Protein backbone atom coordinates (compact mmCIF):
# COMPACT_ATOMS: atom_id res chain seq x y z
CA MET A 1 0.02 0.00 0.03
CA THR A 2 1.26 3.52 -0.84
CA LYS A 3 0.27 6.51 1.18
CA VAL A 4 1.55 9.89 0.00
CA LYS A 5 1.27 13.34 1.47
CA GLY A 6 1.42 16.18 -1.04
CA TYR A 7 -0.40 17.60 -4.00
CA ALA A 8 -0.66 17.39 -7.74
CA ILE A 9 -1.48 20.45 -9.95
CA ARG A 10 -2.78 20.09 -13.50
CA PRO A 11 -5.20 21.68 -16.04
CA VAL A 12 -8.78 21.18 -15.27
CA ARG A 13 -10.76 18.52 -17.23
CA ALA A 14 -14.42 18.17 -18.06
CA ALA A 15 -14.62 15.16 -15.78
CA ASP A 16 -13.75 17.45 -12.87
CA LEU A 17 -16.96 19.49 -13.03
CA GLN A 18 -18.66 18.01 -10.09
CA GLU A 19 -15.60 18.34 -7.88
CA VAL A 20 -15.02 21.87 -9.00
CA PHE A 21 -18.71 22.62 -8.21
CA SER A 22 -18.21 21.18 -4.65
CA LEU A 23 -15.10 23.33 -4.31
CA SER A 24 -17.05 26.44 -5.25
CA MET A 25 -19.59 25.73 -2.47
CA PHE A 26 -16.77 26.15 0.01
CA ALA A 27 -15.70 29.48 -1.47
CA GLY A 28 -18.86 31.51 -0.72
CA ALA A 29 -19.85 34.93 -2.15
CA GLY A 30 -17.33 37.35 -3.42
CA LEU A 31 -15.04 34.97 -5.37
CA THR A 32 -16.60 36.17 -8.63
CA SER A 33 -14.73 33.81 -10.87
CA LEU A 34 -15.83 30.71 -9.00
CA GLN A 35 -19.62 30.86 -8.95
CA PRO A 36 -21.38 27.85 -7.40
CA ASP A 37 -23.39 27.14 -10.53
CA ILE A 38 -22.99 24.02 -12.70
CA GLN A 39 -23.71 25.72 -16.04
CA PHE A 40 -21.23 28.58 -15.22
CA LEU A 41 -18.48 26.19 -14.17
CA GLY A 42 -19.14 23.89 -17.12
CA ALA A 43 -18.59 26.79 -19.51
CA LEU A 44 -15.47 27.84 -17.53
CA ILE A 45 -13.96 24.35 -17.75
CA ALA A 46 -14.83 24.07 -21.45
CA LYS A 47 -13.15 27.41 -22.16
CA SER A 48 -10.09 26.33 -20.18
CA GLU A 49 -9.77 23.04 -22.15
CA ALA A 50 -10.10 24.92 -25.44
CA SER A 51 -7.44 27.47 -24.33
CA PHE A 52 -4.96 24.80 -23.30
CA ALA A 53 -5.60 22.94 -26.61
CA GLY A 54 -4.78 25.90 -28.80
CA PRO A 55 -3.51 29.13 -27.05
CA ILE A 56 -3.72 32.27 -29.18
CA GLN A 57 -1.89 35.42 -28.14
CA THR A 58 -4.50 37.92 -29.33
CA ASN A 59 -7.64 36.17 -27.93
CA SER A 60 -9.18 36.30 -24.54
CA GLN A 61 -8.41 32.91 -22.96
CA THR A 62 -8.81 31.23 -19.63
CA PHE A 63 -6.45 28.60 -18.12
CA LEU A 64 -7.77 26.91 -14.97
CA LEU A 65 -5.50 24.80 -12.83
CA VAL A 66 -6.73 22.42 -10.13
CA MET A 67 -4.84 20.99 -7.10
CA GLU A 68 -5.47 17.38 -6.03
CA SER A 69 -4.58 15.76 -2.78
CA PHE A 70 -2.27 12.73 -3.23
CA ASP A 71 -3.76 11.39 0.01
CA THR A 72 -7.42 11.35 -0.96
CA GLY A 73 -7.48 12.12 -4.71
CA GLU A 74 -9.91 15.04 -4.11
CA ILE A 75 -9.64 18.36 -5.82
CA VAL A 76 -8.96 20.76 -2.92
CA GLY A 77 -7.99 23.96 -4.75
CA CYS A 78 -7.86 25.92 -7.99
CA ALA A 79 -6.27 28.90 -9.62
CA SER A 80 -6.57 30.54 -12.98
CA ILE A 81 -5.07 32.86 -15.58
CA LYS A 82 -7.00 34.96 -18.02
CA THR A 83 -5.45 36.76 -20.98
CA CYS A 84 -6.58 39.93 -22.82
CA VAL A 85 -9.16 40.73 -20.16
CA GLY A 86 -11.70 43.47 -20.92
CA THR A 87 -11.05 43.45 -24.66
CA ASP A 88 -14.27 41.74 -25.62
CA ASP A 89 -17.93 42.26 -24.47
CA PHE A 90 -16.83 41.11 -20.95
CA MET A 91 -15.80 44.51 -19.77
CA CYS A 92 -13.83 45.34 -16.55
CA ALA A 93 -14.61 48.33 -14.46
CA ASP A 94 -13.18 49.52 -11.14
CA PHE A 95 -13.10 52.60 -9.01
CA ALA A 96 -9.97 54.75 -9.62
CA ILE A 97 -8.47 56.57 -6.67
CA GLU A 98 -8.20 60.33 -7.44
CA GLY A 99 -6.13 62.28 -4.97
CA GLY A 100 -4.96 61.12 -1.57
CA ASN A 101 -3.88 57.50 -1.23
CA LEU A 102 -5.22 54.08 -0.59
CA GLU A 103 -5.58 54.69 3.08
CA ARG A 104 -7.24 58.12 2.63
CA PRO A 105 -8.48 58.62 -0.91
CA ASP A 106 -10.01 61.99 -1.82
CA ASN A 107 -12.32 60.68 -4.51
CA LEU A 108 -13.37 57.50 -6.27
CA ILE A 109 -14.33 57.52 -10.00
CA LEU A 110 -15.86 54.51 -11.76
CA LYS A 111 -13.89 53.73 -14.98
CA ARG A 112 -13.48 50.99 -17.55
CA THR A 113 -10.12 49.45 -16.72
CA LEU A 114 -7.51 46.73 -17.19
CA GLU A 115 -8.09 46.33 -21.00
CA GLY A 116 -5.62 43.81 -22.40
CA PHE A 117 -4.16 42.83 -19.04
CA THR A 118 -3.39 39.26 -18.05
CA GLU A 119 -5.32 38.37 -14.81
CA VAL A 120 -4.40 35.84 -12.23
CA GLY A 121 -7.33 34.86 -10.03
CA SER A 122 -9.70 32.13 -8.75
CA LEU A 123 -7.04 31.21 -6.14
CA PHE A 124 -8.86 29.09 -3.67
CA LEU A 125 -7.77 26.30 -1.31
CA ARG A 126 -10.03 24.50 1.04
CA ALA A 127 -9.59 25.68 4.61
CA ASP A 128 -8.57 22.17 5.82
CA HIS A 129 -5.58 22.25 3.54
CA ARG A 130 -4.29 25.81 4.12
CA ALA A 131 -2.06 25.15 7.13
CA SER A 132 0.29 23.04 4.85
CA GLY A 133 1.36 26.07 2.90
CA ALA A 134 0.17 24.41 -0.33
CA GLY A 135 -1.60 27.57 -1.32
CA ARG A 136 1.74 29.32 -1.94
CA PHE A 137 2.60 26.71 -4.53
CA LEU A 138 -0.84 26.69 -6.13
CA ALA A 139 -0.33 30.41 -6.69
CA ARG A 140 3.22 29.94 -7.86
CA ALA A 141 2.24 27.21 -10.34
CA ARG A 142 0.44 29.89 -12.43
CA TYR A 143 3.65 31.83 -12.88
CA ILE A 144 5.59 28.69 -13.85
CA LEU A 145 2.92 27.89 -16.39
CA MET A 146 3.01 31.39 -17.88
CA ALA A 147 6.81 31.13 -18.26
CA ASN A 148 6.34 28.03 -20.41
CA GLN A 149 4.65 30.26 -22.99
CA ARG A 150 5.77 33.71 -22.00
CA HIS A 151 4.76 35.47 -25.25
CA LEU A 152 1.12 34.82 -24.38
CA PHE A 153 1.41 36.74 -21.16
CA ASP A 154 3.54 39.72 -21.99
CA GLN A 155 1.05 42.28 -20.79
CA PRO A 156 0.86 43.66 -17.24
CA ILE A 157 -0.53 41.09 -14.82
CA VAL A 158 -3.39 42.07 -12.52
CA ALA A 159 -4.85 40.31 -9.48
CA GLN A 160 -8.29 41.48 -8.16
CA LEU A 161 -8.59 40.28 -4.58
CA ARG A 162 -11.84 39.46 -2.80
CA GLY A 163 -12.83 42.43 -0.72
CA TRP A 164 -14.14 42.70 2.82
CA SER A 165 -17.46 41.28 3.79
CA GLU A 166 -19.04 40.41 7.10
CA ASP A 167 -19.62 36.94 8.46
CA ASP A 168 -23.30 37.17 7.37
CA GLY A 169 -22.27 37.82 3.73
CA ARG A 170 -23.03 41.53 3.72
CA ALA A 171 -20.31 43.74 2.01
CA PRO A 172 -20.43 47.24 3.61
CA PHE A 173 -18.89 48.94 0.53
CA TYR A 174 -21.30 47.37 -1.85
CA ASP A 175 -24.31 47.93 0.40
CA GLU A 176 -23.67 51.68 0.72
CA VAL A 177 -22.58 52.37 -2.90
CA TRP A 178 -24.60 49.94 -4.93
CA SER A 179 -27.49 48.42 -3.12
CA ASP A 180 -29.96 51.20 -3.85
CA ARG A 181 -28.52 51.97 -7.32
CA LEU A 182 -28.62 48.43 -8.62
CA ARG A 183 -31.46 47.11 -6.55
CA MET A 184 -29.60 43.85 -6.18
CA THR A 185 -27.96 42.11 -3.29
CA TYR A 186 -24.20 41.76 -3.17
CA GLN A 187 -24.59 38.09 -4.08
CA GLN A 188 -26.92 38.84 -7.04
CA SER A 189 -24.57 41.42 -8.54
CA ASP A 190 -21.52 39.22 -8.00
CA ALA A 191 -23.21 36.43 -9.91
CA ARG A 192 -24.23 38.85 -12.74
CA LEU A 193 -20.76 40.32 -12.99
CA ALA A 194 -19.29 36.79 -13.26
CA ARG A 195 -21.58 36.04 -16.25
CA GLU A 196 -21.79 39.37 -18.05
CA GLY A 197 -18.89 41.49 -16.98
CA ALA A 198 -19.34 45.16 -15.94
CA ARG A 199 -21.11 46.50 -19.03
CA PHE A 200 -24.51 46.58 -17.32
CA ILE A 201 -22.99 48.90 -14.68
CA LEU A 202 -20.85 50.94 -17.02
CA ASP A 203 -23.78 51.78 -19.35
CA VAL A 204 -25.48 53.59 -16.53
CA PHE A 205 -22.84 54.61 -14.05
CA GLU A 206 -19.60 55.12 -15.89
CA GLY A 207 -17.90 58.14 -14.39
CA ILE A 208 -19.92 58.23 -11.21
CA GLU A 209 -17.86 59.75 -8.34
CA ILE A 210 -17.93 58.64 -4.74
CA ASP A 211 -16.67 60.79 -1.84
CA PRO A 212 -15.05 58.35 0.62
CA ARG A 213 -15.48 60.96 3.39
CA ALA A 214 -19.20 60.73 3.03
CA LEU A 215 -19.28 56.92 3.50
CA SER A 216 -20.01 55.27 6.80
CA VAL A 217 -17.09 53.98 8.79
CA PRO A 218 -17.74 50.34 7.83
CA ALA A 219 -17.94 51.13 4.14
CA ALA A 220 -14.91 53.45 4.12
CA SER A 221 -12.83 50.98 6.05
CA ALA A 222 -13.50 48.31 3.38
CA ILE A 223 -11.68 50.39 0.69
CA ALA A 224 -8.65 48.25 -0.42
CA ARG A 225 -9.21 45.89 2.39
CA PRO A 226 -8.98 42.16 1.59
CA HIS A 227 -11.41 39.58 2.81
CA PRO A 228 -9.80 37.42 5.61
CA THR A 229 -9.52 34.55 3.14
CA ALA A 230 -7.75 36.73 0.70
CA ALA A 231 -5.16 38.20 3.19
CA GLY A 232 -2.76 35.29 2.47
CA ALA A 233 -3.06 35.84 -1.24
CA LEU A 234 -2.23 39.48 -0.82
CA LYS A 235 0.91 38.53 1.05
CA LEU A 236 1.94 36.05 -1.63
CA LEU A 237 1.44 38.65 -4.33
CA GLU A 238 3.58 41.18 -2.48
CA GLU A 239 6.32 38.49 -2.09
CA GLU A 240 6.16 37.92 -5.89
CA GLY A 241 6.77 41.64 -6.56
CA PHE A 242 3.18 42.86 -7.19
CA ARG A 243 2.20 46.28 -5.91
CA GLN A 244 -1.20 47.80 -5.11
CA ALA A 245 -2.64 49.83 -8.04
CA ASP A 246 -4.59 53.05 -7.57
CA LEU A 247 -7.79 51.06 -8.16
CA ILE A 248 -10.24 49.15 -6.09
CA ASP A 249 -12.87 46.62 -7.00
CA LEU A 250 -16.08 48.29 -8.09
CA ALA A 251 -18.37 45.99 -6.04
CA ASP A 252 -16.74 45.23 -2.66
CA GLY A 253 -13.83 47.74 -2.67
CA GLY A 254 -11.14 45.03 -2.61
CA PRO A 255 -7.55 45.69 -3.49
CA ILE A 256 -6.18 45.38 -7.04
CA MET A 257 -2.51 44.29 -7.45
CA VAL A 258 -0.33 44.69 -10.68
CA GLY A 259 2.96 43.15 -11.68
CA GLN A 260 5.08 42.12 -14.65
CA ILE A 261 6.09 38.57 -15.65
CA GLY A 262 9.69 39.50 -15.94
CA THR A 263 10.05 40.54 -12.31
CA LEU A 264 8.14 37.73 -10.55
CA SER A 265 10.26 36.22 -7.89
CA SER A 266 9.04 32.62 -8.54
CA LEU A 267 10.47 32.72 -12.07
CA GLN A 268 13.79 34.00 -10.85
CA THR A 269 14.27 31.38 -8.09
CA ALA A 270 12.94 28.26 -9.98
CA ARG A 271 15.83 26.13 -11.33
CA PRO A 272 16.17 23.06 -13.50
CA VAL A 273 16.90 19.75 -11.65
CA SER A 274 17.21 16.07 -12.47
CA LEU A 275 14.99 13.54 -10.75
CA LYS A 276 16.25 10.67 -8.68
CA ILE A 277 13.69 7.85 -8.15
CA SER A 278 13.76 6.83 -4.50
CA ASP A 279 11.84 7.01 -1.22
CA PRO A 280 12.40 10.69 -0.29
CA THR A 281 14.23 11.50 2.87
CA PRO A 282 12.83 14.15 5.25
CA ALA A 283 13.17 17.71 4.04
CA ASP A 284 13.15 20.83 6.14
CA ARG A 285 10.68 22.56 3.93
CA SER A 286 8.28 21.95 1.04
CA GLY A 287 9.05 22.27 -2.60
CA MET A 288 7.31 22.12 -5.96
CA LEU A 289 8.49 20.15 -9.05
CA SER A 290 7.03 21.22 -12.36
CA ASN A 291 7.49 20.32 -15.97
CA SER A 292 8.11 22.64 -18.92
CA SER A 293 5.01 21.72 -20.92
CA PHE A 294 2.12 24.10 -21.46
CA SER A 295 -0.96 22.03 -22.59
CA GLY A 296 0.47 19.12 -20.51
CA PHE A 297 1.52 21.22 -17.56
CA ARG A 298 2.02 19.24 -14.33
CA ALA A 299 3.38 20.15 -10.90
CA CYS A 300 3.81 18.24 -7.67
CA VAL A 301 4.12 19.70 -4.13
CA GLY A 302 5.69 17.80 -1.25
CA ALA A 303 8.60 17.65 1.12
CA PHE A 304 11.16 16.78 -1.59
CA GLN A 305 14.88 16.56 -0.60
CA GLU A 306 17.36 18.28 -3.01
CA ALA A 307 21.05 17.57 -3.21
CA GLU A 308 23.54 18.85 -5.81
CA GLY A 309 20.93 19.57 -8.46
CA SER A 310 19.01 16.40 -7.99
CA VAL A 311 15.58 15.87 -6.28
CA ALA A 312 14.55 12.57 -4.83
CA CYS A 313 10.92 11.61 -5.61
CA PRO A 314 8.80 8.41 -5.94
CA ALA A 315 8.47 6.94 -9.48
CA PHE A 316 4.83 7.92 -9.72
CA VAL A 317 5.84 11.63 -9.38
CA GLU A 318 8.17 11.29 -12.34
CA ASP A 319 5.51 9.56 -14.33
CA PHE A 320 3.02 12.34 -13.54
CA LEU A 321 5.42 15.15 -14.51
CA ARG A 322 6.92 13.63 -17.65
CA THR A 323 4.98 14.52 -20.86
CA ALA A 324 8.13 14.56 -22.97
CA ASP A 325 11.88 14.84 -22.54
CA GLN A 326 11.65 18.32 -20.97
CA PRO A 327 13.44 20.18 -18.15
CA ILE A 328 11.94 19.75 -14.67
CA LEU A 329 11.99 22.83 -12.49
CA PHE A 330 12.24 22.87 -8.71
CA SER A 331 10.92 25.71 -6.51
CA ARG A 332 11.46 25.64 -2.78
CA ASP A 333 9.49 27.24 -0.02
CA PRO A 334 11.68 29.97 1.59
CA LEU A 335 10.08 29.34 4.97
CA PRO A 336 11.13 26.09 6.70
CA HIS A 337 8.16 26.03 9.05
CA LEU A 338 5.71 25.67 6.12
CA CYS A 339 6.47 22.09 5.41
CA LEU A 340 4.24 19.19 4.32
CA PRO A 341 4.84 15.88 5.89
CA ARG A 342 7.34 13.73 3.98
CA ALA A 343 6.06 11.09 1.57
CA GLU A 344 5.43 7.80 3.38
CA ILE A 345 5.83 4.71 1.20
CA TYR A 346 4.88 1.43 2.74
């Protein structure tokens, strides 16, 4: 019997629909790109499969990765990349900060934004798997994938983080700015934005100005404030080299981060290694092995031991990663205390 602690990361497949739906039920409102709706998720998965099958630089495309637990085989997380956002009918809109700063803005103006950017998003890991530090590698896998076809992602990279909402699901910024104007709940508008983009808001409200000083304390304090479940993602983005833009999410006021593929720390620290088939010995920190394929992208996360440019791993890990005779990259967690249990083979 083989028992393995760790995770596999790969492109989503049509057969994953039910598990991705189950994952979306854990996410709750505010994670716009992961709506708990079978039809929505089915279309998302179909678009991702088509994008991986034939990526085109000038088209709006979606690449969705899922993370599986080696221990249970369950899908426990996901993350995505979208290219050329806002260049089709699916418009993007945000509030631009005019004057002041993120902490004390003078004015907010609703504008169409982010046209042509590459967006990283949909980063979600089930709560019972977060303590392992696996979310760090799930986020990082997107950047390694992008490096495998860098010409597709040469525009600025944006990450729109889930904004602040209360335990009961209410979003103070949305309730004060949009509830009366749109006559929808936060959850209803979030679902519509996921399906249609921001056109229905821009058609009526483009250019609207909001004075932050006139907002209630709960609404004003939500400006550029991440949801508790997004605080870790914000920290990871900052470690990668992203910075906060002078924009906030139009609905919940969440922070928006921007970066460039050429400056991401993950791509500067990942290095090629050879694989040594063996029962891994204990490692002081976790690492991620990834292949150099795009459509056949694969990554494995675990407590892999590295020595002199070689990484020890079980045979099934090599089988999972190898889609051709391609380089294998190794990326190590910089924090020793975030370490998955070592693989146990017995």
